[in-house]
C-alpha cells in the first residue's frame, strides 16, 4: 500500500519509519526546505524508547543521548530537595527500556536517516487533503495532487488537516509560556546540578537536564502568562527571565544569567477529540492530542501513535484501511487523552502558591518518594502500545496506587 505523511516532525518521521517497517510505501511531505536544528531538549521515557527499539532505532538514539541517574524536585526559594526518584538502571530493569534525554534535532536526525531521501518531499506546503472511497489525496501549493491509500496528518499543534477533517478548531493557549536555552556543560560545571531537576514555585517552575551525551544543559523556565506566541524562534527581552524568577535560589538565577538571551514561546494545546480520523485520513501526535509538557510525554505519545499505526497496517489490504485506522485510534485514544489530562493537572500542582497547599503537596510528594522508586506519572511508562493486554494508565508501578 501507499501512504502519505504530512509533517516532518518527530511524530511524522516516526510514523513514516513505522509504516515502512510494516511494508508500506511512504511519502513524507514537509513544508520546510530542510530539516533544521530547531527546538531544544526532549525527554523520552521507556514507553517511547520501547517503540524505538522495535523500529530498530534505539541504539542510534542512545548514541546521541544522555542517560540520567536521578530526578530531583526542589523548592524555588532555597533549592532544598522535596524528594528524589531514580531514573537510571532501575528504570530500565522495571520497564524494559531506558529513560533518555536528547536534543530534539538529534532525535529528528536519527528518524530522518531511517527514511530514504527519495521518499521525502521538502519545501512542499500542503494546501488540501481529500478522499474518495478508494484513495486519499494531498494537494501541494502549486496544484500538484498526490494519491495514496491513506494519509497521516502529523502537522502539529496548529494542524490544518484537523480543521479540514473536523471544522474550525483553533489551538488553545495554556496560559503558560516557556523560556528556553541551551548552555555548554562547562559554563555550569561549578553549580553541582542534578541530572534532572524540577524547581517548583508560585505560578512558575524551572526545569533543567543534560542533552547531547551530557555536553549541553537544556534549561526551561515556565511561567503563567496572559499571552505569548506559539513560536520556536521568538526571543525574550534581554534579562526578562531574570525578572520572572527574581528571588529564586541562587543556582537558578546563575543558570538564567549565564543563558543570556533566551527563546520564549507560548505553550498551546488542543481540545480532546471524540475521533481522530475520517475514512482514509487520520491525525497523529500533536495534531490529535497536543498537551502541555509537564509530564514530558508529548513526543513519547506521538512515537507511541506511530508504533500502533504500523502495527494495525501491517498486512492490511487497501480496502481495509478505514477499519485499520479506526483500530489505531481506539488503541491510542484512552491513553493519549489520559496523559494529556494528567499533564495539565501536573502543571497546576507545580504552580501552587506558597502556603498550606504547597506544603501539603510537598508532604505528599515526599511520602510517595519514600515508598516508591518512580514518580506517580511513571504509570504511563508501563503502557506497551503493541501489547494487546497493555496496562491501564493509573495502574500503580511498585505495587501501590500513586498518592500524588
Protein backbone atom coordinates (compact mmCIF):
# COMPACT_ATOMS: atom_id res chain seq x y z
CA UNK A 1 0.00 0.00 0.00
CA UNK A 2 0.92 3.66 -0.35
CA UNK A 3 0.78 6.19 2.47
CA UNK A 4 1.42 9.92 2.65
CA UNK A 5 2.58 11.56 5.88
CA UNK A 6 2.01 15.29 6.22
CA UNK A 7 4.62 16.82 8.54
CA UNK A 8 8.28 16.03 9.16
CA UNK A 9 8.47 16.48 12.93
CA UNK A 10 9.11 13.72 15.46
CA UNK A 11 5.65 12.19 15.04
CA UNK A 12 5.59 12.34 11.26
CA UNK A 13 9.05 10.84 10.87
CA UNK A 14 8.31 8.09 13.39
CA UNK A 15 5.07 7.31 11.52
CA UNK A 16 6.96 7.09 8.23
CA UNK A 17 9.53 4.71 9.74
CA UNK A 18 6.86 2.57 11.40
CA UNK A 19 4.75 2.22 8.26
CA UNK A 20 7.81 1.40 6.15
CA UNK A 21 8.68 -1.33 8.64
CA UNK A 22 5.11 -2.60 8.14
CA UNK A 23 5.70 -2.88 4.39
CA UNK A 24 4.05 0.30 3.09
CA UNK A 25 5.46 2.67 0.52
CA UNK A 26 5.57 6.03 2.27
CA UNK A 27 5.94 9.60 1.01
CA UNK A 28 6.64 12.23 3.67
CA UNK A 29 5.65 15.80 2.77
CA UNK A 30 7.25 18.64 4.74
CA UNK A 31 6.79 22.36 4.15
CA UNK A 32 10.27 23.49 5.27
CA UNK A 33 13.14 23.36 2.73
CA UNK A 34 15.30 21.21 5.03
CA UNK A 35 15.34 19.55 8.43
CA UNK A 36 16.89 22.15 10.73
CA UNK A 37 18.18 22.15 14.31
CA UNK A 38 15.10 23.69 15.87
CA UNK A 39 13.80 23.27 19.40
CA UNK A 40 15.86 22.13 22.33
CA UNK A 41 15.72 19.28 24.86
CA UNK A 42 13.36 16.34 24.79
CA UNK A 43 12.80 13.54 27.30
CA UNK A 44 11.97 10.01 26.18
CA UNK A 45 10.51 7.72 28.82
CA UNK A 46 10.51 3.91 28.43
CA UNK A 47 7.06 3.86 26.79
CA UNK A 48 8.70 5.67 23.85
CA UNK A 49 12.11 4.00 23.85
CA UNK A 50 10.48 0.56 23.71
CA UNK A 51 8.84 1.61 20.43
CA UNK A 52 12.15 2.95 19.11
CA UNK A 53 13.74 -0.41 19.89
CA UNK A 54 11.04 -2.19 17.86
CA UNK A 55 11.69 0.21 14.99
CA UNK A 56 15.39 -0.69 15.10
CA UNK A 57 16.44 2.83 16.11
CA UNK A 58 17.16 2.67 19.83
CA UNK A 59 20.92 2.09 19.57
CA UNK A 60 21.29 5.12 17.28
CA UNK A 61 19.20 7.25 19.64
CA UNK A 62 21.14 6.10 22.71
CA UNK A 63 24.38 7.17 21.00
CA UNK A 64 23.10 10.77 20.89
CA UNK A 65 21.51 10.85 24.35
CA UNK A 66 22.27 11.46 27.99
CA UNK A 67 21.15 8.77 30.43
CA UNK A 68 20.11 10.38 33.73
CA UNK A 69 20.52 8.63 37.06
CA UNK A 70 18.04 10.64 39.16
CA UNK A 71 15.17 13.13 39.14
CA UNK A 72 15.17 15.76 41.89
CA UNK A 73 12.26 18.01 42.94
CA UNK A 74 13.29 21.22 44.72
CA UNK A 75 11.74 24.26 46.32
CA UNK A 76 12.02 27.54 44.47
CA UNK A 77 13.43 29.79 47.19
CA UNK A 78 16.37 27.88 48.65
CA UNK A 79 16.71 24.79 46.44
CA UNK A 80 16.04 22.38 49.29
CA UNK A 81 15.10 18.95 47.97
CA UNK A 82 11.45 17.91 48.25
CA UNK A 83 12.03 14.37 47.00
CA UNK A 84 14.13 12.29 44.64
CA UNK A 85 13.40 9.42 42.23
CA UNK A 86 15.62 7.05 40.31
CA UNK A 87 15.87 7.24 36.51
CA UNK A 88 18.88 5.03 35.85
CA UNK A 89 19.39 1.29 35.63
CA UNK A 90 16.39 0.57 37.85
CA UNK A 91 14.04 2.22 35.33
CA UNK A 92 15.42 0.05 32.53
CA UNK A 93 15.08 -3.08 34.66
CA UNK A 94 11.50 -2.23 35.68
CA UNK A 95 10.17 -1.00 32.33
CA UNK A 96 12.36 -2.85 29.86
CA UNK A 97 13.80 0.24 28.17
CA UNK A 98 15.88 3.28 29.15
CA UNK A 99 14.93 6.85 30.07
CA UNK A 100 16.81 9.13 27.68
CA UNK A 101 17.45 12.87 27.31
CA UNK A 102 18.17 14.32 23.86
CA UNK A 103 18.35 17.40 21.76
CA UNK A 104 15.23 17.32 19.61
CA UNK A 105 17.33 17.79 16.47
CA UNK A 106 19.41 14.71 17.30
CA UNK A 107 16.28 12.56 17.57
CA UNK A 108 14.91 14.08 14.36
CA UNK A 109 18.18 13.30 12.58
CA UNK A 110 18.10 9.63 13.62
CA UNK A 111 14.50 9.27 12.48
CA UNK A 112 15.12 11.10 9.20
CA UNK A 113 18.10 8.85 8.41
CA UNK A 114 15.72 5.86 8.50
CA UNK A 115 13.53 7.36 5.74
CA UNK A 116 15.05 7.20 2.23
CA UNK A 117 15.71 10.64 0.80
CA UNK A 118 13.66 9.73 -2.27
CA UNK A 119 10.61 9.26 -0.06
CA UNK A 120 10.77 12.82 1.36
CA UNK A 121 9.26 15.88 -0.33
CA UNK A 122 10.73 19.00 1.29
CA UNK A 123 9.63 22.58 0.62
CA UNK A 124 6.14 21.26 -0.15
CA UNK A 125 3.27 23.10 1.52
CA UNK A 126 0.11 21.02 1.77
CA UNK A 127 -2.99 23.11 0.99
CA UNK A 128 -5.63 20.41 0.98
CA UNK A 129 -6.46 16.81 1.91
CA UNK A 130 -9.44 14.93 0.47
CA UNK A 131 -10.53 11.39 -0.30
CA UNK A 132 -12.94 9.15 -2.11
CA UNK A 133 -13.99 5.56 -1.49
CA UNK A 134 -10.74 4.06 -2.72
CA UNK A 135 -7.99 6.67 -2.23
CA UNK A 136 -6.84 9.71 -0.25
CA UNK A 137 -5.25 12.77 -1.83
CA UNK A 138 -2.88 15.55 -0.76
CA UNK A 139 -2.71 18.77 -2.76
CA UNK A 140 0.53 20.76 -2.65
CA UNK A 141 0.81 24.51 -3.23
CA UNK A 142 1.17 24.94 -6.97
CA UNK A 143 -1.53 22.40 -7.70
CA UNK A 144 0.24 19.03 -7.64
CA UNK A 145 -2.05 16.29 -6.28
CA UNK A 146 -0.59 13.17 -4.66
CA UNK A 147 -2.59 9.95 -4.31
CA UNK A 148 -2.26 7.21 -1.67
CA UNK A 149 -4.28 4.55 0.11
CA UNK A 150 -4.15 6.63 3.30
CA UNK A 151 -2.95 9.98 4.65
CA UNK A 152 -1.48 10.54 8.12
CA UNK A 153 -1.63 14.17 9.23
CA UNK A 154 1.20 14.85 11.68
CA UNK A 155 1.16 18.60 11.08
CA UNK A 156 1.48 19.76 14.67
CA UNK A 157 -0.43 21.78 17.21
CA UNK A 158 -1.71 24.20 14.55
CA UNK A 159 -2.83 21.35 12.30
CA UNK A 160 -4.61 22.48 9.16
CA UNK A 161 -5.63 18.90 8.43
CA UNK A 162 -7.53 18.76 11.71
CA UNK A 163 -9.66 21.66 10.56
CA UNK A 164 -10.17 20.14 7.12
CA UNK A 165 -11.45 16.97 8.80
CA UNK A 166 -13.48 18.39 11.68
CA UNK A 167 -14.10 22.07 11.01
CA UNK A 168 -13.00 25.23 12.81
CA UNK A 169 -10.92 24.28 15.84
CA UNK A 170 -8.07 26.51 16.99
CA UNK A 171 -5.10 25.72 19.22
CA UNK A 172 -5.78 26.59 22.87
CA UNK A 173 -3.32 28.81 24.76
CA UNK A 174 -2.49 27.11 28.07
CA UNK A 175 -1.87 30.44 29.80
CA UNK A 176 1.74 29.44 30.30
CA UNK A 177 4.90 30.47 28.46
CA UNK A 178 8.33 28.85 28.44
CA UNK A 179 11.80 30.41 28.39
CA UNK A 180 14.33 28.06 26.75
CA UNK A 181 18.09 27.92 26.33
CA UNK A 182 21.00 25.51 25.93
CA UNK A 183 24.25 26.04 27.82
CA UNK A 184 27.58 24.25 27.33
CA UNK A 185 28.26 21.97 30.29
CA UNK A 186 31.47 23.84 31.16
CA UNK A 187 29.50 27.04 31.82
CA UNK A 188 27.57 25.45 34.71
CA UNK A 189 30.12 22.93 35.97
CA UNK A 190 30.55 24.84 39.24
CA UNK A 191 26.88 24.56 40.22
CA UNK A 192 26.80 20.81 41.03
CA UNK A 193 23.46 20.30 39.30
CA UNK A 194 21.44 17.07 39.46
CA UNK A 195 20.88 15.11 36.25
CA UNK A 196 17.25 16.21 36.03
CA UNK A 197 15.66 18.76 38.34
CA UNK A 198 12.30 20.50 38.69
CA UNK A 199 12.17 23.55 40.92
CA UNK A 200 8.59 24.35 42.00
CA UNK A 201 7.36 27.84 42.83
CA UNK A 202 4.29 30.07 42.91
CA UNK A 203 2.92 30.44 39.38
CA UNK A 204 6.03 29.02 37.72
CA UNK A 205 8.55 26.19 37.67
CA UNK A 206 12.07 25.65 36.39
CA UNK A 207 13.49 22.53 34.71
CA UNK A 208 16.99 21.57 33.63
CA UNK A 209 18.61 18.40 32.33
CA UNK A 210 21.58 17.31 30.22
CA UNK A 211 21.31 16.51 26.50
CA UNK A 212 23.67 15.56 23.66
CA UNK A 213 25.62 12.99 25.70
CA UNK A 214 25.89 15.45 28.59
CA UNK A 215 27.57 18.17 26.55
CA UNK A 216 24.70 20.68 26.89
CA UNK A 217 22.34 21.72 29.67
CA UNK A 218 18.76 22.18 28.50
CA UNK A 219 17.00 24.89 30.50
CA UNK A 220 13.25 25.59 30.62
CA UNK A 221 11.53 28.17 32.81
CA UNK A 222 7.72 28.02 32.69
CA UNK A 223 5.63 30.96 33.88
CA UNK A 224 1.94 31.79 33.91
CA UNK A 225 1.16 34.34 31.20
CA UNK A 226 -1.77 36.15 29.64
CA UNK A 227 -0.46 35.85 26.08
CA UNK A 228 2.55 34.51 24.17
CA UNK A 229 3.07 33.44 20.54
CA UNK A 230 3.50 29.75 19.67
CA UNK A 231 6.97 30.04 18.15
CA UNK A 232 10.22 28.09 18.42
CA UNK A 233 12.27 31.14 17.41
CA UNK A 234 10.78 34.16 19.26
CA UNK A 235 13.33 35.88 21.50
CA UNK A 236 12.60 37.04 25.03
CA UNK A 237 13.54 40.57 26.03
CA UNK A 238 17.10 40.73 27.42
CA UNK A 239 17.04 39.93 31.14
CA UNK A 240 13.33 39.08 31.07
CA UNK A 241 13.90 35.60 32.51
CA UNK A 242 15.77 37.03 35.50
CA UNK A 243 12.89 39.33 36.32
CA UNK A 244 10.43 36.45 36.04
CA UNK A 245 12.42 34.34 38.52
CA UNK A 246 13.51 37.13 40.86
CA UNK A 247 14.12 35.84 44.37
CA UNK A 248 14.65 32.21 43.35
CA UNK A 249 17.56 30.06 44.53
CA UNK A 250 20.95 31.45 43.50
CA UNK A 251 21.68 28.41 41.30
CA UNK A 252 18.56 29.02 39.22
CA UNK A 253 19.47 32.68 38.82
CA UNK A 254 23.04 31.84 37.85
CA UNK A 255 21.82 29.45 35.14
CA UNK A 256 19.40 32.05 33.80
CA UNK A 257 22.03 34.77 33.86
CA UNK A 258 24.60 32.64 32.05
CA UNK A 259 22.00 31.65 29.45
CA UNK A 260 21.95 35.24 28.18
CA UNK A 261 19.10 35.98 25.82
CA UNK A 262 16.55 33.16 25.81
CA UNK A 263 13.80 31.99 23.50
CA UNK A 264 10.23 32.47 24.72
CA UNK A 265 7.16 30.72 23.38
CA UNK A 266 3.58 30.21 24.39
CA UNK A 267 2.53 26.66 25.23
CA UNK A 268 -0.57 25.64 23.28
CA UNK A 269 -2.73 22.53 23.41
CA UNK A 270 -5.69 21.10 21.53
CA UNK A 271 -9.08 20.16 22.96
CA UNK A 272 -9.64 16.38 23.11
CA UNK A 273 -11.44 14.89 20.12
CA UNK A 274 -14.02 12.13 20.06
CA UNK A 275 -12.31 10.66 16.99
CA UNK A 276 -9.01 11.17 15.19
CA UNK A 277 -9.85 10.35 11.60
CA UNK A 278 -12.35 10.10 8.81
CA UNK A 279 -12.14 7.21 6.37
CA UNK A 280 -8.62 7.04 4.95
CA UNK A 281 -7.25 10.12 6.74
CA UNK A 282 -6.11 10.20 10.36
CA UNK A 283 -4.32 12.51 12.77
CA UNK A 284 -1.18 11.67 14.74
CA UNK A 285 0.80 13.34 17.52
CA UNK A 286 0.18 16.98 18.39
CA UNK A 287 -2.46 17.36 15.70
CA UNK A 288 -4.55 14.82 17.62
CA UNK A 289 -3.59 15.40 21.26
CA UNK A 290 -1.20 18.33 21.79
CA UNK A 291 -0.52 18.61 25.52
CA UNK A 292 1.38 20.77 27.95
CA UNK A 293 4.87 19.33 28.53
CA UNK A 294 4.63 18.94 32.29
CA UNK A 295 4.97 15.15 32.29
CA UNK A 296 7.50 15.16 29.41
CA UNK A 297 5.20 12.94 27.33
CA UNK A 298 4.34 14.91 24.17
CA UNK A 299 6.94 13.32 21.89
CA UNK A 300 6.58 9.95 23.60
CA UNK A 301 2.86 9.84 22.86
CA UNK A 302 3.49 10.70 19.19
CA UNK A 303 6.05 7.89 18.93
CA UNK A 304 3.55 5.51 20.51
CA UNK A 305 0.96 6.62 17.94
CA UNK A 306 3.45 5.74 15.23
CA UNK A 307 4.12 2.31 16.70
CA UNK A 308 0.45 1.40 16.76
CA UNK A 309 -0.13 2.81 13.28
CA UNK A 310 2.45 0.48 11.78
CA UNK A 311 1.05 -2.41 13.79
CA UNK A 312 -2.54 -2.05 12.55
CA UNK A 313 -1.49 -1.54 8.92
CA UNK A 314 0.89 -4.49 8.69
CA UNK A 315 -0.68 -6.98 6.33
CA UNK A 316 -3.79 -4.86 5.70
CA UNK A 317 -5.29 -4.61 2.22
CA UNK A 318 -6.23 -1.22 0.72
CA UNK A 319 -9.95 -1.78 1.28
CA UNK A 320 -9.23 -2.47 4.98
CA UNK A 321 -7.60 0.92 5.60
CA UNK A 322 -10.58 2.74 7.19
CA UNK A 323 -11.14 -0.08 9.67
CA UNK A 324 -7.41 -0.30 10.46
CA UNK A 325 -7.19 3.44 11.11
CA UNK A 326 -10.22 3.17 13.36
CA UNK A 327 -8.45 0.44 15.36
CA UNK A 328 -5.35 2.63 15.60
CA UNK A 329 -7.36 5.45 17.14
CA UNK A 330 -9.23 3.14 19.52
CA UNK A 331 -5.98 1.63 20.79
CA UNK A 332 -4.40 5.03 21.42
CA UNK A 333 -7.31 7.25 22.32
CA UNK A 334 -7.70 6.45 26.02
CA UNK A 335 -4.01 6.54 26.89
CA UNK A 336 -3.21 9.72 24.96
CA UNK A 337 -6.20 11.59 26.39
CA UNK A 338 -5.41 10.41 29.91
CA UNK A 339 -1.80 11.56 29.66
CA UNK A 340 -2.94 14.87 28.17
CA UNK A 341 -5.24 15.48 31.15
CA UNK A 342 -2.60 14.33 33.63
CA UNK A 343 -0.06 16.74 32.18
CA UNK A 344 -2.47 19.63 32.74
CA UNK A 345 -3.03 18.58 36.35
CA UNK A 346 0.71 18.30 36.89
CA UNK A 347 1.19 21.90 35.79
CA UNK A 348 -1.42 23.05 38.29
CA UNK A 349 0.38 21.18 41.08
CA UNK A 350 3.75 22.62 40.04
CA UNK A 351 2.47 26.20 40.37
CA UNK A 352 0.67 26.18 43.73
CA UNK A 353 1.15 29.37 45.74
CA UNK A 354 3.28 29.32 48.87
CA UNK A 355 1.25 28.31 51.89
CA UNK A 356 -0.79 25.32 53.08
CA UNK A 357 -1.49 23.90 49.60
CA UNK A 358 2.17 23.89 48.58
CA UNK A 359 3.25 22.44 51.93
CA UNK A 360 0.65 19.67 51.60
CA UNK A 361 1.80 18.95 48.03
CA UNK A 362 5.43 18.72 49.14
CA UNK A 363 4.49 16.40 52.00
CA UNK A 364 2.57 14.11 49.61
CA UNK A 365 5.50 14.09 47.20
CA UNK A 366 7.98 13.22 49.96
CA UNK A 367 5.71 10.46 51.28
CA UNK A 368 5.28 8.99 47.81
CA UNK A 369 9.03 9.02 47.15
CA UNK A 370 9.67 7.32 50.47
CA UNK A 371 7.68 4.30 49.30
CA UNK A 372 8.23 4.34 45.53
CA UNK A 373 11.29 4.39 43.31
CA UNK A 374 9.49 6.15 40.45
CA UNK A 375 7.26 9.24 40.23
CA UNK A 376 3.45 8.87 40.09
CA UNK A 377 3.28 9.61 36.38
CA UNK A 378 5.58 6.62 35.73
CA UNK A 379 2.36 4.64 35.41
CA UNK A 380 2.34 5.90 31.81
CA UNK A 381 5.79 4.42 31.26
CA UNK A 382 4.42 0.92 31.78
CA UNK A 383 1.99 1.12 28.86
CA UNK A 384 3.14 -1.07 25.98
CA UNK A 385 1.31 0.04 22.86
CA UNK A 386 1.94 -3.20 20.98
CA UNK A 387 0.73 -5.39 23.84
CA UNK A 388 -2.99 -6.19 23.44
CA UNK A 389 -3.17 -6.59 27.24
CA UNK A 390 -1.48 -3.25 27.89
CA UNK A 391 -1.96 -1.91 31.45
CA UNK A 392 -4.31 0.97 32.02
CA UNK A 393 -2.82 4.38 32.78
CA UNK A 394 -3.24 4.82 36.53
CA UNK A 395 -2.19 1.29 37.44
CA UNK A 396 0.47 1.52 40.12
CA UNK A 397 4.07 0.74 39.34
CA UNK A 398 5.73 -0.60 42.61
CA UNK A 399 2.51 -2.42 43.59
CA UNK A 400 0.91 0.65 45.19
CA UNK A 401 -1.56 3.21 43.99
CA UNK A 402 0.15 6.57 43.25
CA UNK A 403 -0.56 9.04 46.01
CA UNK A 404 0.44 12.33 44.39
